[in-house]
């Protein structure tokens, strides 16, 4: 194998690896955003005043 072909092959592998890393980072960022949205939604759904007391009059 000549040097030029080897160099091109290594360059292509580097580009593929960088693209893979970027896609993985993007997926991780999206997952983090989704989990933050779920946590926020759960925090808003909590109603601490419900169930604290029982009204026995009536």
PDB file of N, CA and C in Angstrom:
ATOM      1  N   UNK A   1       0.857  -1.171   0.000  1.00  0.00           N
ATOM      2  CA  UNK A   1       0.000   0.000   0.000  1.00  0.00           C
ATOM      3  C   UNK A   1       0.903   1.233   0.000  1.00  0.00           C
ATOM      4  N   UNK A   2       0.577   2.170  -0.822  1.00  0.00           N
ATOM      5  CA  UNK A   2       1.417   3.364  -0.879  1.00  0.00           C
ATOM      6  C   UNK A   2       1.033   4.365   0.211  1.00  0.00           C
ATOM      7  N   UNK A   3       1.904   5.320   0.415  1.00  0.00           N
ATOM      8  CA  UNK A   3       1.751   6.305   1.493  1.00  0.00           C
ATOM      9  C   UNK A   3       0.507   7.161   1.283  1.00  0.00           C
ATOM     10  N   UNK A   4       0.222   7.556   0.060  1.00  0.00           N
ATOM     11  CA  UNK A   4      -0.937   8.413  -0.219  1.00  0.00           C
ATOM     12  C   UNK A   4      -2.237   7.701   0.143  1.00  0.00           C
ATOM     13  N   UNK A   5      -2.355   6.446  -0.237  1.00  0.00           N
ATOM     14  CA  UNK A   5      -3.571   5.687   0.072  1.00  0.00           C
ATOM     15  C   UNK A   5      -3.712   5.486   1.582  1.00  0.00           C
ATOM     16  N   UNK A   6      -2.607   5.208   2.239  1.00  0.00           N
ATOM     17  CA  UNK A   6      -2.638   5.048   3.687  1.00  0.00           C
ATOM     18  C   UNK A   6      -3.045   6.346   4.376  1.00  0.00           C
ATOM     19  N   UNK A   7      -2.514   7.449   3.912  1.00  0.00           N
ATOM     20  CA  UNK A   7      -2.849   8.752   4.469  1.00  0.00           C
ATOM     21  C   UNK A   7      -4.327   9.071   4.283  1.00  0.00           C
ATOM     22  N   UNK A   8      -4.854   8.796   3.106  1.00  0.00           N
ATOM     23  CA  UNK A   8      -6.282   9.053   2.842  1.00  0.00           C
ATOM     24  C   UNK A   8      -7.152   8.157   3.714  1.00  0.00           C
ATOM     25  N   UNK A   9      -6.750   6.924   3.876  1.00  0.00           N
ATOM     26  CA  UNK A   9      -7.514   5.989   4.697  1.00  0.00           C
ATOM     27  C   UNK A   9      -7.554   6.446   6.154  1.00  0.00           C
ATOM     28  N   UNK A  10      -6.410   6.860   6.679  1.00  0.00           N
ATOM     29  CA  UNK A  10      -6.356   7.362   8.045  1.00  0.00           C
ATOM     30  C   UNK A  10      -7.181   8.642   8.211  1.00  0.00           C
ATOM     31  N   UNK A  11      -7.128   9.493   7.230  1.00  0.00           N
ATOM     32  CA  UNK A  11      -7.892  10.735   7.277  1.00  0.00           C
ATOM     33  C   UNK A  11      -9.393  10.448   7.301  1.00  0.00           C
ATOM     34  N   UNK A  12      -9.825   9.509   6.486  1.00  0.00           N
ATOM     35  CA  UNK A  12     -11.247   9.141   6.454  1.00  0.00           C
ATOM     36  C   UNK A  12     -11.679   8.535   7.788  1.00  0.00           C
ATOM     37  N   UNK A  13     -10.821   7.732   8.376  1.00  0.00           N
ATOM     38  CA  UNK A  13     -11.149   7.139   9.677  1.00  0.00           C
ATOM     39  C   UNK A  13     -11.269   8.224  10.741  1.00  0.00           C
ATOM     40  N   UNK A  14     -10.391   9.210  10.692  1.00  0.00           N
ATOM     41  CA  UNK A  14     -10.456  10.316  11.652  1.00  0.00           C
ATOM     42  C   UNK A  14     -11.746  11.114  11.498  1.00  0.00           C
ATOM     43  N   UNK A  15     -12.145  11.365  10.267  1.00  0.00           N
ATOM     44  CA  UNK A  15     -13.378  12.117  10.014  1.00  0.00           C
ATOM     45  C   UNK A  15     -14.579  11.323  10.523  1.00  0.00           C
ATOM     46  N   UNK A  16     -14.595  10.025  10.264  1.00  0.00           N
ATOM     47  CA  UNK A  16     -15.705   9.185  10.735  1.00  0.00           C
ATOM     48  C   UNK A  16     -15.759   9.171  12.261  1.00  0.00           C
ATOM     49  N   UNK A  17     -14.603   9.082  12.890  1.00  0.00           N
ATOM     50  CA  UNK A  17     -14.560   9.053  14.348  1.00  0.00           C
ATOM     51  C   UNK A  17     -15.048  10.380  14.921  1.00  0.00           C
ATOM     52  N   UNK A  18     -14.619  11.486  14.348  1.00  0.00           N
ATOM     53  CA  UNK A  18     -15.066  12.802  14.817  1.00  0.00           C
ATOM     54  C   UNK A  18     -16.566  12.959  14.628  1.00  0.00           C
ATOM     55  N   UNK A  19     -17.085  12.500  13.505  1.00  0.00           N
ATOM     56  CA  UNK A  19     -18.527  12.576  13.269  1.00  0.00           C
ATOM     57  C   UNK A  19     -19.280  11.730  14.286  1.00  0.00           C
ATOM     58  N   UNK A  20     -18.762  10.567  14.585  1.00  0.00           N
ATOM     59  CA  UNK A  20     -19.396   9.694  15.568  1.00  0.00           C
ATOM     60  C   UNK A  20     -19.419  10.339  16.942  1.00  0.00           C
ATOM     61  N   UNK A  21     -18.325  10.967  17.315  1.00  0.00           N
ATOM     62  CA  UNK A  21     -18.250  11.643  18.615  1.00  0.00           C
ATOM     63  C   UNK A  21     -19.245  12.802  18.665  1.00  0.00           C
ATOM     64  N   UNK A  22     -19.338  13.565  17.593  1.00  0.00           N
ATOM     65  CA  UNK A  22     -20.273  14.691  17.564  1.00  0.00           C
ATOM     66  C   UNK A  22     -21.719  14.216  17.655  1.00  0.00           C
ATOM     67  N   UNK A  23     -22.045  13.146  16.972  1.00  0.00           N
ATOM     68  CA  UNK A  23     -23.406  12.603  17.039  1.00  0.00           C
ATOM     69  C   UNK A  23     -23.704  12.113  18.455  1.00  0.00           C
ATOM     70  N   UNK A  24     -22.740  11.475  19.079  1.00  0.00           N
ATOM     71  CA  UNK A  24     -22.920  11.001  20.452  1.00  0.00           C
ATOM     72  C   UNK A  24     -23.122  12.166  21.411  1.00  0.00           C
ATOM     73  N   UNK A  25     -22.327  13.225  21.256  1.00  0.00           N
ATOM     74  CA  UNK A  25     -22.486  14.409  22.102  1.00  0.00           C
ATOM     75  C   UNK A  25     -23.861  15.031  21.913  1.00  0.00           C
ATOM     76  N   UNK A  26     -24.308  15.097  20.674  1.00  0.00           N
ATOM     77  CA  UNK A  26     -25.630  15.663  20.380  1.00  0.00           C
ATOM     78  C   UNK A  26     -26.722  14.832  21.044  1.00  0.00           C
ATOM     79  N   UNK A  27     -26.602  13.518  20.983  1.00  0.00           N
ATOM     80  CA  UNK A  27     -27.584  12.639  21.616  1.00  0.00           C
ATOM     81  C   UNK A  27     -27.565  12.808  23.131  1.00  0.00           C
ATOM     82  N   UNK A  28     -26.390  12.952  23.706  1.00  0.00           N
ATOM     83  CA  UNK A  28     -26.281  13.152  25.164  1.00  0.00           C
ATOM     84  C   UNK A  28     -26.900  14.485  25.577  1.00  0.00           C
ATOM     85  N   UNK A  29     -26.667  15.528  24.796  1.00  0.00           N
ATOM     86  CA  UNK A  29     -27.261  16.834  25.096  1.00  0.00           C
ATOM     87  C   UNK A  29     -28.783  16.766  25.029  1.00  0.00           C
ATOM     88  N   UNK A  30     -29.292  16.069  24.021  1.00  0.00           N
ATOM     89  CA  UNK A  30     -30.737  15.928  23.869  1.00  0.00           C
ATOM     90  C   UNK A  30     -31.329  15.150  25.041  1.00  0.00           C
ATOM     91  N   UNK A  31     -30.645  14.088  25.455  1.00  0.00           N
ATOM     92  CA  UNK A  31     -31.116  13.292  26.592  1.00  0.00           C
ATOM     93  C   UNK A  31     -31.106  14.138  27.870  1.00  0.00           C
ATOM     94  N   UNK A  32     -30.088  14.966  28.036  1.00  0.00           N
ATOM     95  CA  UNK A  32     -30.019  15.837  29.209  1.00  0.00           C
ATOM     96  C   UNK A  32     -31.165  16.837  29.209  1.00  0.00           C
ATOM     97  N   UNK A  33     -31.461  17.409  28.053  1.00  0.00           N
ATOM     98  CA  UNK A  33     -32.574  18.356  27.948  1.00  0.00           C
ATOM     99  C   UNK A  33     -33.903  17.667  28.244  1.00  0.00           C
ATOM    100  N   UNK A  34     -34.071  16.457  27.725  1.00  0.00           N
ATOM    101  CA  UNK A  34     -35.310  15.719  27.967  1.00  0.00           C
ATOM    102  C   UNK A  34     -35.476  15.406  29.446  1.00  0.00           C
ATOM    103  N   UNK A  35     -34.397  14.982  30.081  1.00  0.00           N
ATOM    104  CA  UNK A  35     -34.503  14.656  31.506  1.00  0.00           C
ATOM    105  C   UNK A  35     -34.766  15.909  32.340  1.00  0.00           C
ATOM    106  N   UNK A  36     -34.192  17.020  31.951  1.00  0.00           N
ATOM    107  CA  UNK A  36     -34.458  18.272  32.665  1.00  0.00           C
ATOM    108  C   UNK A  36     -35.922  18.667  32.507  1.00  0.00           C
ATOM    109  N   UNK A  37     -36.484  18.435  31.342  1.00  0.00           N
ATOM    110  CA  UNK A  37     -37.897  18.742  31.117  1.00  0.00           C
ATOM    111  C   UNK A  37     -38.790  17.845  31.962  1.00  0.00           C
ATOM    112  N   UNK A  38     -38.435  16.586  32.058  1.00  0.00           N
ATOM    113  CA  UNK A  38     -39.221  15.657  32.873  1.00  0.00           C
ATOM    114  C   UNK A  38     -39.155  16.045  34.339  1.00  0.00           C
ATOM    115  N   UNK A  39     -37.971  16.396  34.826  1.00  0.00           N
ATOM    116  CA  UNK A  39     -37.827  16.815  36.220  1.00  0.00           C
ATOM    117  C   UNK A  39     -38.657  18.072  36.488  1.00  0.00           C
ATOM    118  N   UNK A  40     -38.607  19.020  35.571  1.00  0.00           N
ATOM    119  CA  UNK A  40     -39.381  20.249  35.740  1.00  0.00           C
ATOM    120  C   UNK A  40     -40.877  19.944  35.761  1.00  0.00           C
ATOM    121  N   UNK A  41     -41.310  19.058  34.884  1.00  0.00           N
ATOM    122  CA  UNK A  41     -42.715  18.692  34.822  1.00  0.00           C
ATOM    123  C   UNK A  41     -43.154  18.004  36.121  1.00  0.00           C
ATOM    124  N   UNK A  42     -42.294  17.132  36.649  1.00  0.00           N
ATOM    125  CA  UNK A  42     -42.618  16.451  37.899  1.00  0.00           C
ATOM    126  C   UNK A  42     -42.672  17.420  39.069  1.00  0.00           C
ATOM    127  N   UNK A  43     -41.764  18.391  39.073  1.00  0.00           N
ATOM    128  CA  UNK A  43     -41.762  19.384  40.140  1.00  0.00           C
ATOM    129  C   UNK A  43     -43.034  20.227  40.110  1.00  0.00           C
ATOM    130  N   UNK A  44     -43.523  20.526  38.927  1.00  0.00           N
ATOM    131  CA  UNK A  44     -44.729  21.338  38.808  1.00  0.00           C
ATOM    132  C   UNK A  44     -45.981  20.545  39.168  1.00  0.00           C
ATOM    133  N   UNK A  45     -45.922  19.224  39.052  1.00  0.00           N
ATOM    134  CA  UNK A  45     -47.106  18.420  39.321  1.00  0.00           C
ATOM    135  C   UNK A  45     -47.306  18.163  40.808  1.00  0.00           C
ATOM    136  N   UNK A  46     -46.298  18.429  41.604  1.00  0.00           N
ATOM    137  CA  UNK A  46     -46.401  18.195  43.042  1.00  0.00           C
ATOM    138  C   UNK A  46     -47.281  19.279  43.664  1.00  0.00           C
ATOM    139  N   UNK A  47     -48.241  18.837  44.466  1.00  0.00           N
ATOM    140  CA  UNK A  47     -49.122  19.768  45.161  1.00  0.00           C
ATOM    141  C   UNK A  47     -49.059  19.431  46.646  1.00  0.00           C
ATOM    142  N   UNK A  48     -48.137  20.046  47.375  1.00  0.00           N
ATOM    143  CA  UNK A  48     -47.903  19.658  48.764  1.00  0.00           C
ATOM    144  C   UNK A  48     -49.072  19.935  49.707  1.00  0.00           C
ATOM    145  N   UNK A  49     -49.974  20.830  49.337  1.00  0.00           N
ATOM    146  CA  UNK A  49     -51.083  21.152  50.230  1.00  0.00           C
ATOM    147  C   UNK A  49     -52.172  20.086  50.203  1.00  0.00           C
ATOM    148  N   UNK A  50     -52.215  19.265  49.205  1.00  0.00           N
ATOM    149  CA  UNK A  50     -53.237  18.223  49.102  1.00  0.00           C
ATOM    150  C   UNK A  50     -52.877  17.072  50.036  1.00  0.00           C
ATOM    151  N   UNK A  51     -53.832  16.677  50.854  1.00  0.00           N
ATOM    152  CA  UNK A  51     -53.648  15.544  51.743  1.00  0.00           C
ATOM    153  C   UNK A  51     -53.054  15.891  53.092  1.00  0.00           C
ATOM    154  N   UNK A  52     -52.827  17.149  53.349  1.00  0.00           N
ATOM    155  CA  UNK A  52     -52.255  17.545  54.636  1.00  0.00           C
ATOM    156  C   UNK A  52     -53.272  17.448  55.761  1.00  0.00           C
ATOM    157  N   UNK A  53     -54.473  17.831  55.456  1.00  0.00           N
ATOM    158  CA  UNK A  53     -55.486  17.837  56.514  1.00  0.00           C
ATOM    159  C   UNK A  53     -56.792  17.244  55.974  1.00  0.00           C
ATOM    160  N   UNK A  54     -57.609  16.833  56.913  1.00  0.00           N
ATOM    161  CA  UNK A  54     -58.894  16.233  56.565  1.00  0.00           C
ATOM    162  C   UNK A  54     -59.984  17.106  57.184  1.00  0.00           C
ATOM    163  N   UNK A  55     -60.928  17.487  56.372  1.00  0.00           N
ATOM    164  CA  UNK A  55     -62.041  18.301  56.848  1.00  0.00           C
ATOM    165  C   UNK A  55     -63.124  17.368  57.396  1.00  0.00           C
ATOM    166  N   UNK A  56     -63.293  17.360  58.713  1.00  0.00           N
ATOM    167  CA  UNK A  56     -64.264  16.469  59.350  1.00  0.00           C
ATOM    168  C   UNK A  56     -65.609  17.135  59.568  1.00  0.00           C
ATOM    169  N   UNK A  57     -65.713  18.409  59.236  1.00  0.00           N
ATOM    170  CA  UNK A  57     -66.994  19.113  59.364  1.00  0.00           C
ATOM    171  C   UNK A  57     -67.856  18.768  58.165  1.00  0.00           C
ATOM    172  N   UNK A  58     -69.087  18.689  58.367  1.00  0.00           N
ATOM    173  CA  UNK A  58     -69.890  18.509  57.198  1.00  0.00           C
ATOM    174  C   UNK A  58     -71.041  17.701  57.380  1.00  0.00           C
TER     175      UNK A  58
END
